[in-house]
Amino acid sequence: MAFQWGLEEIQSPVAGRKNSPGGNPRPIDPAPVVGLLCSMDQQVVDPRMLRGFNKLEFFCMVDLFRLPDTPNVSNRLSYYARDGTCDHNGHPTFALLSTDYPPRETEFRIGNHLLLDDSKETHLLQRQTPVMGAVEIPDGLVFPFPCLGVLQKGQYMLRYTLYNKTQNGPPLAKCFGQPFTVYSVNSYPGVSPPTQLSQLLARLKVPGFGSKYST
């Protein structure tokens, strides 16, 4: 039987400062980190024990999805769709719509709000470069995203997608992370103390985890 691959956000961002186009990224904090999962016959498998496994063959992409500023507590479902216009930076703008029936292309649901692939706003991410090759830590294999910045304030979620660069075809796995908030520069509550996982990645000299993550 074939192995089943999966992803899990094991470190979730909580907050970030609004970025400026072309400026230095102000990363969301804590840095998102996704774990690589593997199973067979519903049993967890350590991929490092698989014959022929090469962590460098795997890469992880990230996409950004906006959430409504206030939770949808109505009985109707909400979702974002392009409204056919662009903002002053040339980015497509989106309208918040409602429906009684989930669109067929719905990928995720949080409360009564739906996330569709067509509603992603990945163009608002700075440094959305895919992580090429899994990073090994004592507990397994991870894909860290230490430099992601967001160009507009609001509520967001990230979607992670796993691929193997030696294979053609659909993604091996997808997962959505936890909601986080991007604030204006003046209202940002501040960077939280570095987590144990971020400190570990800094000690392993993973790019993007510099002195600010060290103890």
Protein backbone atom coordinates (compact mmCIF):
# COMPACT_ATOMS: atom_id res chain seq x y z
CA MET A 1 0.00 0.00 0.00
CA ALA A 2 1.23 3.51 -0.79
CA PHE A 3 2.41 5.87 1.85
CA GLN A 4 0.13 8.78 2.74
CA TRP A 5 1.80 12.15 3.16
CA GLY A 6 0.48 14.96 5.32
CA LEU A 7 1.30 18.37 6.74
CA GLU A 8 0.56 19.90 10.14
CA GLU A 9 1.19 23.47 11.29
CA ILE A 10 3.18 22.84 14.47
CA GLN A 11 4.05 26.51 15.12
CA SER A 12 1.35 29.03 14.28
CA PRO A 13 1.74 32.78 13.76
CA VAL A 14 -0.31 35.02 16.03
CA ALA A 15 0.35 38.57 14.84
CA GLY A 16 2.29 40.67 12.38
CA ARG A 17 2.87 44.27 11.30
CA LYS A 18 1.57 45.52 7.98
CA ASN A 19 4.38 45.52 5.42
CA SER A 20 5.17 48.10 2.75
CA PRO A 21 5.64 47.10 -0.92
CA GLY A 22 9.34 46.87 -1.68
CA GLY A 23 10.32 47.35 1.96
CA ASN A 24 12.10 44.98 4.28
CA PRO A 25 9.72 42.25 5.46
CA ARG A 26 8.23 42.56 8.92
CA PRO A 27 7.66 38.85 9.55
CA ILE A 28 4.55 37.46 11.16
CA ASP A 29 5.30 36.09 14.62
CA PRO A 30 5.98 33.39 15.67
CA ALA A 31 7.43 32.11 12.42
CA PRO A 32 5.13 29.48 10.86
CA VAL A 33 6.55 25.96 10.91
CA VAL A 34 4.93 22.95 9.24
CA GLY A 35 5.68 19.33 10.10
CA LEU A 36 5.96 16.60 7.45
CA LEU A 37 3.77 13.58 8.27
CA CYS A 38 3.79 10.08 6.83
CA SER A 39 1.53 7.07 7.43
CA MET A 40 0.68 3.66 6.04
CA ASP A 41 -2.38 1.60 6.96
CA GLN A 42 -3.27 4.39 9.42
CA GLN A 43 0.01 3.85 11.26
CA VAL A 44 2.45 6.74 11.69
CA VAL A 45 5.74 6.17 9.88
CA ASP A 46 8.99 8.08 10.34
CA PRO A 47 9.84 9.05 6.74
CA ARG A 48 13.54 9.07 7.61
CA MET A 49 13.31 5.30 7.98
CA LEU A 50 11.93 4.76 4.45
CA ARG A 51 14.23 3.23 1.87
CA GLY A 52 15.21 5.79 -0.74
CA PHE A 53 13.72 8.72 1.17
CA ASN A 54 15.39 12.04 0.37
CA LYS A 55 14.24 15.07 2.35
CA LEU A 56 15.63 17.38 -0.34
CA GLU A 57 13.10 16.09 -2.90
CA PHE A 58 10.20 17.65 -1.00
CA PHE A 59 9.14 21.27 -1.05
CA CYS A 60 6.34 23.22 0.54
CA MET A 61 4.38 26.16 -0.91
CA VAL A 62 2.37 28.69 1.09
CA ASP A 63 -0.78 30.66 0.17
CA LEU A 64 -2.65 33.41 2.01
CA PHE A 65 -6.40 33.65 2.64
CA ARG A 66 -8.25 36.60 4.14
CA LEU A 67 -10.88 36.18 6.86
CA PRO A 68 -13.73 38.60 7.62
CA ASP A 69 -12.89 41.30 10.17
CA THR A 70 -15.82 40.12 12.29
CA PRO A 71 -16.92 36.47 12.56
CA ASN A 72 -19.87 35.42 10.44
CA VAL A 73 -22.56 34.51 12.96
CA SER A 74 -25.44 34.44 10.48
CA ASN A 75 -26.99 31.25 9.16
CA ARG A 76 -25.64 32.03 5.69
CA LEU A 77 -22.18 31.09 4.44
CA SER A 78 -19.68 33.77 3.48
CA TYR A 79 -16.71 33.73 1.10
CA TYR A 80 -14.47 36.15 -0.79
CA ALA A 81 -14.54 36.47 -4.59
CA ARG A 82 -12.74 38.79 -7.00
CA ASP A 83 -14.83 41.84 -7.83
CA GLY A 84 -13.06 42.58 -11.13
CA THR A 85 -11.15 45.66 -9.95
CA CYS A 86 -7.61 46.30 -8.66
CA ASP A 87 -6.19 48.47 -5.90
CA HIS A 88 -3.61 51.26 -6.41
CA ASN A 89 -0.81 48.66 -6.37
CA GLY A 90 -2.43 46.65 -9.15
CA HIS A 91 -3.54 43.85 -6.86
CA PRO A 92 -6.98 42.30 -7.44
CA THR A 93 -9.62 43.28 -4.91
CA PHE A 94 -12.20 40.98 -3.38
CA ALA A 95 -15.81 41.29 -2.25
CA LEU A 96 -17.29 39.43 0.69
CA LEU A 97 -20.29 37.45 -0.59
CA SER A 98 -22.87 35.24 1.08
CA THR A 99 -24.69 32.10 0.01
CA ASP A 100 -26.87 29.33 1.33
CA TYR A 101 -24.99 26.63 -0.55
CA PRO A 102 -21.24 25.88 -0.31
CA PRO A 103 -19.51 26.33 -3.69
CA ARG A 104 -18.21 23.07 -5.09
CA GLU A 105 -14.62 24.35 -5.01
CA THR A 106 -14.62 25.03 -1.24
CA GLU A 107 -11.32 23.91 0.32
CA PHE A 108 -11.83 24.77 3.99
CA ARG A 109 -14.50 26.05 6.33
CA ILE A 110 -13.93 28.06 9.49
CA GLY A 111 -17.22 28.70 11.24
CA ASN A 112 -19.60 29.92 8.55
CA HIS A 113 -16.81 31.32 6.37
CA LEU A 114 -15.55 29.37 3.35
CA LEU A 115 -12.07 29.40 1.83
CA LEU A 116 -11.96 28.80 -1.92
CA ASP A 117 -8.81 28.39 -3.97
CA ASP A 118 -9.94 31.35 -6.11
CA SER A 119 -10.13 33.53 -2.99
CA LYS A 120 -6.46 33.23 -2.05
CA GLU A 121 -4.52 36.51 -1.82
CA THR A 122 -0.99 35.17 -1.94
CA HIS A 123 0.05 38.31 -3.82
CA LEU A 124 -0.13 40.09 -0.43
CA LEU A 125 2.66 37.91 0.96
CA GLN A 126 6.25 39.10 0.94
CA ARG A 127 8.94 36.41 0.82
CA GLN A 128 6.49 33.64 -0.17
CA THR A 129 9.38 31.62 -1.63
CA PRO A 130 8.72 27.88 -1.25
CA VAL A 131 10.79 25.97 1.28
CA MET A 132 12.93 23.62 -0.79
CA GLY A 133 13.85 20.55 1.21
CA ALA A 134 12.64 19.53 4.65
CA VAL A 135 14.69 20.50 7.70
CA GLU A 136 15.54 17.75 10.18
CA ILE A 137 14.97 18.34 13.89
CA PRO A 138 15.06 15.74 16.69
CA ASP A 139 11.28 15.17 16.51
CA GLY A 140 11.02 14.84 12.73
CA LEU A 141 11.08 16.91 9.55
CA VAL A 142 9.73 20.43 9.15
CA PHE A 143 9.31 23.27 6.66
CA PRO A 144 9.91 26.65 8.36
CA PHE A 145 8.73 30.02 6.99
CA PRO A 146 10.64 32.64 9.03
CA CYS A 147 10.36 35.68 6.72
CA LEU A 148 6.71 35.93 5.67
CA GLY A 149 5.27 39.44 5.71
CA VAL A 150 1.76 40.60 4.76
CA LEU A 151 1.06 43.84 2.86
CA GLN A 152 -2.38 44.65 4.29
CA LYS A 153 -3.80 44.60 7.79
CA GLY A 154 -6.58 42.15 8.58
CA GLN A 155 -7.32 38.59 9.65
CA TYR A 156 -5.69 35.77 7.67
CA MET A 157 -4.94 32.06 7.42
CA LEU A 158 -2.14 30.25 5.61
CA ARG A 159 -2.48 27.17 3.44
CA TYR A 160 0.53 24.88 3.00
CA THR A 161 0.93 22.54 0.02
CA LEU A 162 3.44 19.69 -0.23
CA TYR A 163 5.10 18.56 -3.47
CA ASN A 164 7.86 16.18 -4.54
CA LYS A 165 10.00 17.77 -7.25
CA THR A 166 10.77 14.38 -8.80
CA GLN A 167 7.09 13.62 -9.42
CA ASN A 168 4.52 15.16 -11.71
CA GLY A 169 0.92 15.31 -10.68
CA PRO A 170 -1.25 16.75 -7.92
CA PRO A 171 0.05 17.90 -4.54
CA LEU A 172 0.95 15.22 -2.01
CA ALA A 173 -0.80 17.00 0.86
CA LYS A 174 -2.37 20.27 2.01
CA CYS A 175 -3.24 21.80 5.34
CA PHE A 176 -4.52 25.11 6.69
CA GLY A 177 -3.00 26.87 9.67
CA GLN A 178 -4.53 28.89 12.49
CA PRO A 179 -5.94 32.42 12.06
CA PHE A 180 -3.65 35.36 12.79
CA THR A 181 -3.92 39.15 12.75
CA VAL A 182 -1.89 41.70 10.80
CA TYR A 183 -1.91 45.14 12.46
CA SER A 184 -1.02 48.61 11.34
CA VAL A 185 2.51 49.60 12.33
CA ASN A 186 1.23 51.85 15.15
CA SER A 187 -1.16 49.30 16.65
CA TYR A 188 1.11 46.24 16.49
CA PRO A 189 1.33 44.73 20.01
CA GLY A 190 5.00 43.76 19.63
CA VAL A 191 7.12 40.70 18.99
CA SER A 192 6.64 37.82 21.42
CA PRO A 193 9.60 36.05 23.08
CA PRO A 194 11.19 33.41 20.82
CA THR A 195 9.63 29.97 21.11
CA GLN A 196 11.64 26.85 21.90
CA LEU A 197 11.17 25.64 18.33
CA SER A 198 12.42 28.93 16.87
CA GLN A 199 15.43 28.81 19.19
CA LEU A 200 16.16 25.25 18.07
CA LEU A 201 16.00 26.25 14.40
CA ALA A 202 18.35 29.16 15.15
CA ARG A 203 20.84 26.77 16.78
CA LEU A 204 20.62 24.57 13.69
CA LYS A 205 21.49 27.68 11.62
CA VAL A 206 18.33 27.45 9.51
CA PRO A 207 18.26 30.51 7.20
CA GLY A 208 16.00 33.26 8.51
CA PHE A 209 16.40 32.28 12.16
CA GLY A 210 19.13 34.67 13.23
CA SER A 211 20.24 36.29 16.46
CA LYS A 212 16.73 37.50 17.39
CA TYR A 213 15.74 33.87 18.02
CA SER A 214 18.77 33.05 20.15
CA THR A 215 18.71 33.01 23.93
